């Protein structure tokens, strides 16, 4: 998260660190996800490009500092991975994937499913609606990833602005949400 601050422990109990095994036994954080129920984590399909083998992944839940997991953190292996069948890596259309955990997690103050609005409310997310982003990604472009979960406040940006030639040049469609800070300095970052 660029332009954010450290989140409080337990503030985003649906945040999940999706980690890839490297060099046999060592795991590294690759992407964030959100817990949608006790058995499933939603993430971005682009995280899986070239690495869709579920046996190489694990999910770490209830964690605040990736380097210092506390007793309330839980780890799960991955039973299966489903990438949206119409995902397009070049345009990021349908950029979603679902990780099925090998066993259900137990909910606690630190592990909860994400609160999603009913589908009929989604068309009514107005421009400039305030939203929050969270994650363990880089804190500046080409910088290092954060070990501590970060959070930041952003707002919905009109598609007309996001699709302008100086932004995304028409890549944002009706199935996407454009959010950030028009003044810059606050965004998600891998």
C-alpha atoms as a PDB file:
ATOM      1  CA  UNK A   1       0.000   0.000   0.000  1.00  0.00           C
ATOM      2  CA  UNK A   2       1.456   3.315  -1.085  1.00  0.00           C
ATOM      3  CA  UNK A   3       0.580   6.293   1.107  1.00  0.00           C
ATOM      4  CA  UNK A   4      -0.995   4.246   3.880  1.00  0.00           C
ATOM      5  CA  UNK A   5      -0.248   3.499   7.491  1.00  0.00           C
ATOM      6  CA  UNK A   6       0.116   0.395   9.641  1.00  0.00           C
ATOM      7  CA  UNK A   7      -3.257  -1.209  10.280  1.00  0.00           C
ATOM      8  CA  UNK A   8      -4.183  -2.170  13.816  1.00  0.00           C
ATOM      9  CA  UNK A   9      -3.907  -5.884  14.551  1.00  0.00           C
ATOM     10  CA  UNK A  10      -7.288  -7.463  13.768  1.00  0.00           C
ATOM     11  CA  UNK A  11      -8.594  -4.409  11.880  1.00  0.00           C
ATOM     12  CA  UNK A  12      -8.996  -6.359   8.602  1.00  0.00           C
ATOM     13  CA  UNK A  13      -9.720  -9.933   9.772  1.00  0.00           C
ATOM     14  CA  UNK A  14     -10.535 -11.109   6.223  1.00  0.00           C
ATOM     15  CA  UNK A  15      -7.069 -10.188   4.913  1.00  0.00           C
ATOM     16  CA  UNK A  16      -5.104 -13.237   3.809  1.00  0.00           C
ATOM     17  CA  UNK A  17      -1.454 -13.536   2.821  1.00  0.00           C
ATOM     18  CA  UNK A  18      -1.101 -15.922  -0.130  1.00  0.00           C
ATOM     19  CA  UNK A  19       2.408 -17.312  -0.086  1.00  0.00           C
ATOM     20  CA  UNK A  20       4.392 -19.303  -2.621  1.00  0.00           C
ATOM     21  CA  UNK A  21       6.938 -21.949  -1.670  1.00  0.00           C
ATOM     22  CA  UNK A  22      10.436 -21.208  -2.913  1.00  0.00           C
ATOM     23  CA  UNK A  23      13.599 -23.258  -2.601  1.00  0.00           C
ATOM     24  CA  UNK A  24      11.770 -26.228  -1.096  1.00  0.00           C
ATOM     25  CA  UNK A  25      10.649 -25.070   2.343  1.00  0.00           C
ATOM     26  CA  UNK A  26      10.698 -21.262   2.383  1.00  0.00           C
ATOM     27  CA  UNK A  27       7.468 -19.337   1.682  1.00  0.00           C
ATOM     28  CA  UNK A  28       7.211 -15.745   0.443  1.00  0.00           C
ATOM     29  CA  UNK A  29       4.198 -13.443   0.317  1.00  0.00           C
ATOM     30  CA  UNK A  30       3.056 -13.019  -3.297  1.00  0.00           C
ATOM     31  CA  UNK A  31      -0.456 -11.596  -3.167  1.00  0.00           C
ATOM     32  CA  UNK A  32      -3.185 -10.643  -0.789  1.00  0.00           C
ATOM     33  CA  UNK A  33      -6.632 -12.153  -0.756  1.00  0.00           C
ATOM     34  CA  UNK A  34      -9.839 -11.970   1.235  1.00  0.00           C
ATOM     35  CA  UNK A  35     -11.581 -14.727   3.132  1.00  0.00           C
ATOM     36  CA  UNK A  36     -15.080 -15.164   1.661  1.00  0.00           C
ATOM     37  CA  UNK A  37     -16.096 -18.126   3.839  1.00  0.00           C
ATOM     38  CA  UNK A  38     -14.392 -20.631   6.122  1.00  0.00           C
ATOM     39  CA  UNK A  39     -13.020 -22.554   3.118  1.00  0.00           C
ATOM     40  CA  UNK A  40     -12.326 -20.008   0.372  1.00  0.00           C
ATOM     41  CA  UNK A  41     -10.068 -17.039  -0.393  1.00  0.00           C
ATOM     42  CA  UNK A  42     -10.699 -14.618  -3.272  1.00  0.00           C
ATOM     43  CA  UNK A  43      -7.680 -13.063  -4.973  1.00  0.00           C
ATOM     44  CA  UNK A  44      -6.513 -11.615  -8.291  1.00  0.00           C
ATOM     45  CA  UNK A  45      -6.029 -14.093 -11.134  1.00  0.00           C
ATOM     46  CA  UNK A  46      -2.891 -12.280 -12.323  1.00  0.00           C
ATOM     47  CA  UNK A  47      -1.164 -13.502  -9.145  1.00  0.00           C
ATOM     48  CA  UNK A  48      -1.317 -17.023 -10.560  1.00  0.00           C
ATOM     49  CA  UNK A  49       0.182 -16.362 -13.985  1.00  0.00           C
ATOM     50  CA  UNK A  50       2.821 -19.051 -14.436  1.00  0.00           C
ATOM     51  CA  UNK A  51       2.292 -20.457 -10.930  1.00  0.00           C
ATOM     52  CA  UNK A  52      -1.108 -22.163 -10.739  1.00  0.00           C
ATOM     53  CA  UNK A  53       0.069 -25.336  -8.958  1.00  0.00           C
ATOM     54  CA  UNK A  54      -1.973 -25.391  -5.737  1.00  0.00           C
ATOM     55  CA  UNK A  55       0.670 -27.498  -3.960  1.00  0.00           C
ATOM     56  CA  UNK A  56       3.138 -24.597  -4.133  1.00  0.00           C
ATOM     57  CA  UNK A  57       0.832 -22.204  -2.245  1.00  0.00           C
ATOM     58  CA  UNK A  58      -0.358 -21.665   1.286  1.00  0.00           C
ATOM     59  CA  UNK A  59      -2.743 -19.179   2.884  1.00  0.00           C
ATOM     60  CA  UNK A  60      -1.857 -17.400   6.128  1.00  0.00           C
ATOM     61  CA  UNK A  61      -4.838 -15.918   7.954  1.00  0.00           C
ATOM     62  CA  UNK A  62      -5.153 -13.759  11.059  1.00  0.00           C
ATOM     63  CA  UNK A  63      -1.642 -12.410  10.609  1.00  0.00           C
ATOM     64  CA  UNK A  64      -0.581  -8.791  11.075  1.00  0.00           C
ATOM     65  CA  UNK A  65       3.208  -8.953  10.794  1.00  0.00           C
ATOM     66  CA  UNK A  66       4.335 -11.609   8.300  1.00  0.00           C
ATOM     67  CA  UNK A  67       7.686 -11.956  10.048  1.00  0.00           C
ATOM     68  CA  UNK A  68       6.159 -12.344  13.520  1.00  0.00           C
ATOM     69  CA  UNK A  69       2.952 -14.410  13.301  1.00  0.00           C
ATOM     70  CA  UNK A  70       1.139 -14.667  16.628  1.00  0.00           C
ATOM     71  CA  UNK A  71      -0.734 -17.628  18.078  1.00  0.00           C
ATOM     72  CA  UNK A  72      -4.059 -16.522  16.555  1.00  0.00           C
ATOM     73  CA  UNK A  73      -2.665 -16.833  12.999  1.00  0.00           C
ATOM     74  CA  UNK A  74      -3.626 -19.893  10.953  1.00  0.00           C
ATOM     75  CA  UNK A  75      -1.998 -21.536   7.941  1.00  0.00           C
ATOM     76  CA  UNK A  76      -3.778 -23.654   5.370  1.00  0.00           C
ATOM     77  CA  UNK A  77      -2.638 -25.612   2.364  1.00  0.00           C
ATOM     78  CA  UNK A  78      -4.604 -25.169  -0.839  1.00  0.00           C
ATOM     79  CA  UNK A  79      -6.949 -27.916  -2.069  1.00  0.00           C
ATOM     80  CA  UNK A  80      -7.746 -26.312  -5.419  1.00  0.00           C
ATOM     81  CA  UNK A  81      -7.481 -23.085  -7.395  1.00  0.00           C
ATOM     82  CA  UNK A  82     -10.123 -21.802  -9.814  1.00  0.00           C
ATOM     83  CA  UNK A  83      -9.223 -18.937 -12.143  1.00  0.00           C
ATOM     84  CA  UNK A  84     -12.088 -17.104 -13.858  1.00  0.00           C
ATOM     85  CA  UNK A  85     -12.469 -18.863 -17.235  1.00  0.00           C
ATOM     86  CA  UNK A  86     -12.584 -15.525 -19.069  1.00  0.00           C
ATOM     87  CA  UNK A  87      -9.584 -13.928 -17.341  1.00  0.00           C
ATOM     88  CA  UNK A  88      -7.515 -11.903 -19.822  1.00  0.00           C
ATOM     89  CA  UNK A  89      -3.986 -11.217 -18.596  1.00  0.00           C
ATOM     90  CA  UNK A  90      -3.368  -8.453 -21.142  1.00  0.00           C
ATOM     91  CA  UNK A  91      -6.380  -6.332 -20.084  1.00  0.00           C
ATOM     92  CA  UNK A  92      -6.994  -7.665 -16.531  1.00  0.00           C
ATOM     93  CA  UNK A  93     -10.626  -8.397 -17.396  1.00  0.00           C
ATOM     94  CA  UNK A  94     -12.181 -10.909 -14.978  1.00  0.00           C
ATOM     95  CA  UNK A  95      -9.047 -10.736 -12.819  1.00  0.00           C
ATOM     96  CA  UNK A  96     -10.320 -13.013 -10.063  1.00  0.00           C
ATOM     97  CA  UNK A  97      -9.425 -16.440  -8.721  1.00  0.00           C
ATOM     98  CA  UNK A  98     -10.639 -18.570  -5.837  1.00  0.00           C
ATOM     99  CA  UNK A  99      -8.404 -20.638  -3.554  1.00  0.00           C
ATOM    100  CA  UNK A 100     -10.163 -23.532  -1.808  1.00  0.00           C
ATOM    101  CA  UNK A 101      -8.480 -24.202   1.538  1.00  0.00           C
ATOM    102  CA  UNK A 102      -7.644 -27.781   2.504  1.00  0.00           C
ATOM    103  CA  UNK A 103      -9.625 -27.392   5.730  1.00  0.00           C
ATOM    104  CA  UNK A 104     -11.991 -24.809   7.165  1.00  0.00           C
ATOM    105  CA  UNK A 105     -10.645 -22.050   9.371  1.00  0.00           C
ATOM    106  CA  UNK A 106     -12.181 -21.263  12.738  1.00  0.00           C
ATOM    107  CA  UNK A 107     -13.452 -17.711  13.022  1.00  0.00           C
ATOM    108  CA  UNK A 108     -12.017 -15.492  15.755  1.00  0.00           C
ATOM    109  CA  UNK A 109     -11.434 -11.796  16.412  1.00  0.00           C
ATOM    110  CA  UNK A 110      -8.564 -12.048  13.897  1.00  0.00           C
ATOM    111  CA  UNK A 111     -10.128 -14.323  11.246  1.00  0.00           C
ATOM    112  CA  UNK A 112     -13.519 -13.362   9.765  1.00  0.00           C
ATOM    113  CA  UNK A 113     -15.105 -13.490   6.302  1.00  0.00           C
ATOM    114  CA  UNK A 114     -15.279 -10.226   4.386  1.00  0.00           C
ATOM    115  CA  UNK A 115     -18.476  -8.180   4.594  1.00  0.00           C
ATOM    116  CA  UNK A 116     -19.781  -7.887   1.041  1.00  0.00           C
ATOM    117  CA  UNK A 117     -22.717  -5.692   0.027  1.00  0.00           C
ATOM    118  CA  UNK A 118     -25.744  -7.321  -1.592  1.00  0.00           C
ATOM    119  CA  UNK A 119     -25.345  -7.491  -5.383  1.00  0.00           C
ATOM    120  CA  UNK A 120     -28.254  -5.091  -5.939  1.00  0.00           C
ATOM    121  CA  UNK A 121     -26.332  -2.331  -4.136  1.00  0.00           C
ATOM    122  CA  UNK A 122     -23.207  -2.519  -6.304  1.00  0.00           C
ATOM    123  CA  UNK A 123     -24.562  -0.347  -9.161  1.00  0.00           C
ATOM    124  CA  UNK A 124     -25.146   2.384  -6.576  1.00  0.00           C
ATOM    125  CA  UNK A 125     -21.507   2.817  -5.581  1.00  0.00           C
ATOM    126  CA  UNK A 126     -21.177   6.452  -6.425  1.00  0.00           C
ATOM    127  CA  UNK A 127     -18.118   8.285  -7.604  1.00  0.00           C
ATOM    128  CA  UNK A 128     -16.090   9.652  -4.718  1.00  0.00           C
ATOM    129  CA  UNK A 129     -17.466   6.970  -2.365  1.00  0.00           C
ATOM    130  CA  UNK A 130     -14.839   6.435   0.319  1.00  0.00           C
ATOM    131  CA  UNK A 131     -13.244   2.978   0.431  1.00  0.00           C
ATOM    132  CA  UNK A 132     -10.341   1.307   2.188  1.00  0.00           C
ATOM    133  CA  UNK A 133      -7.524  -0.785   0.801  1.00  0.00           C
ATOM    134  CA  UNK A 134      -5.208  -3.015   2.799  1.00  0.00           C
ATOM    135  CA  UNK A 135      -2.274  -5.260   2.080  1.00  0.00           C
ATOM    136  CA  UNK A 136       1.356  -6.238   2.523  1.00  0.00           C
ATOM    137  CA  UNK A 137       2.536  -4.961  -0.860  1.00  0.00           C
ATOM    138  CA  UNK A 138       5.216  -2.444  -1.678  1.00  0.00           C
ATOM    139  CA  UNK A 139       5.010   0.904   0.077  1.00  0.00           C
ATOM    140  CA  UNK A 140       6.495   2.785  -2.874  1.00  0.00           C
ATOM    141  CA  UNK A 141       7.058   2.051  -6.536  1.00  0.00           C
ATOM    142  CA  UNK A 142      10.010  -0.342  -6.887  1.00  0.00           C
ATOM    143  CA  UNK A 143      10.254  -0.412  -3.080  1.00  0.00           C
ATOM    144  CA  UNK A 144      10.187  -3.301  -0.649  1.00  0.00           C
ATOM    145  CA  UNK A 145       7.030  -5.054   0.474  1.00  0.00           C
ATOM    146  CA  UNK A 146       5.794  -4.344   3.976  1.00  0.00           C
ATOM    147  CA  UNK A 147       5.879  -7.128   6.567  1.00  0.00           C
ATOM    148  CA  UNK A 148       3.135  -5.312   8.510  1.00  0.00           C
ATOM    149  CA  UNK A 149      -0.398  -5.059   7.114  1.00  0.00           C
ATOM    150  CA  UNK A 150      -1.001  -1.546   5.789  1.00  0.00           C
ATOM    151  CA  UNK A 151      -4.249   0.333   5.162  1.00  0.00           C
ATOM    152  CA  UNK A 152      -5.226   3.462   3.273  1.00  0.00           C
ATOM    153  CA  UNK A 153      -8.345   5.418   2.393  1.00  0.00           C
ATOM    154  CA  UNK A 154      -9.188   5.840  -1.306  1.00  0.00           C
ATOM    155  CA  UNK A 155     -12.238   6.898  -3.282  1.00  0.00           C
ATOM    156  CA  UNK A 156     -14.139   5.598  -6.297  1.00  0.00           C
ATOM    157  CA  UNK A 157     -12.908   7.457  -9.371  1.00  0.00           C
ATOM    158  CA  UNK A 158     -15.261   7.975 -12.334  1.00  0.00           C
ATOM    159  CA  UNK A 159     -14.591   5.607 -15.252  1.00  0.00           C
ATOM    160  CA  UNK A 160     -14.416   8.615 -17.558  1.00  0.00           C
ATOM    161  CA  UNK A 161     -11.339   9.819 -15.665  1.00  0.00           C
ATOM    162  CA  UNK A 162      -9.779   6.342 -15.385  1.00  0.00           C
ATOM    163  CA  UNK A 163     -10.309   5.735 -19.096  1.00  0.00           C
ATOM    164  CA  UNK A 164      -8.725   9.007 -20.163  1.00  0.00           C
ATOM    165  CA  UNK A 165      -5.599   8.886 -22.299  1.00  0.00           C
ATOM    166  CA  UNK A 166      -3.375   9.929 -19.362  1.00  0.00           C
ATOM    167  CA  UNK A 167      -4.675   7.105 -17.129  1.00  0.00           C
ATOM    168  CA  UNK A 168      -5.821   3.673 -18.352  1.00  0.00           C
ATOM    169  CA  UNK A 169      -6.775   4.665 -21.896  1.00  0.00           C
ATOM    170  CA  UNK A 170     -10.070   2.799 -22.174  1.00  0.00           C
ATOM    171  CA  UNK A 171      -9.100  -0.420 -20.344  1.00  0.00           C
ATOM    172  CA  UNK A 172     -11.614   0.053 -17.496  1.00  0.00           C
ATOM    173  CA  UNK A 173     -14.935  -1.623 -18.304  1.00  0.00           C
ATOM    174  CA  UNK A 174     -18.274  -1.807 -16.474  1.00  0.00           C
ATOM    175  CA  UNK A 175     -17.164  -4.891 -14.511  1.00  0.00           C
ATOM    176  CA  UNK A 176     -14.257  -3.020 -12.919  1.00  0.00           C
ATOM    177  CA  UNK A 177     -13.994  -0.515 -10.103  1.00  0.00           C
ATOM    178  CA  UNK A 178     -11.515   2.310 -10.382  1.00  0.00           C
ATOM    179  CA  UNK A 179     -10.336   3.623  -7.020  1.00  0.00           C
ATOM    180  CA  UNK A 180      -7.429   5.631  -5.729  1.00  0.00           C
ATOM    181  CA  UNK A 181      -6.551   9.219  -5.030  1.00  0.00           C
ATOM    182  CA  UNK A 182      -6.890  11.824  -7.765  1.00  0.00           C
ATOM    183  CA  UNK A 183      -4.089  13.801  -6.159  1.00  0.00           C
ATOM    184  CA  UNK A 184      -1.870  10.688  -6.255  1.00  0.00           C
ATOM    185  CA  UNK A 185       0.230   9.192  -3.507  1.00  0.00           C
ATOM    186  CA  UNK A 186      -2.280   6.561  -2.301  1.00  0.00           C
ATOM    187  CA  UNK A 187      -2.740   3.244  -4.092  1.00  0.00           C
ATOM    188  CA  UNK A 188      -2.262  -0.495  -3.986  1.00  0.00           C
ATOM    189  CA  UNK A 189       1.133  -1.713  -5.136  1.00  0.00           C
ATOM    190  CA  UNK A 190       2.435  -5.229  -5.708  1.00  0.00           C
END
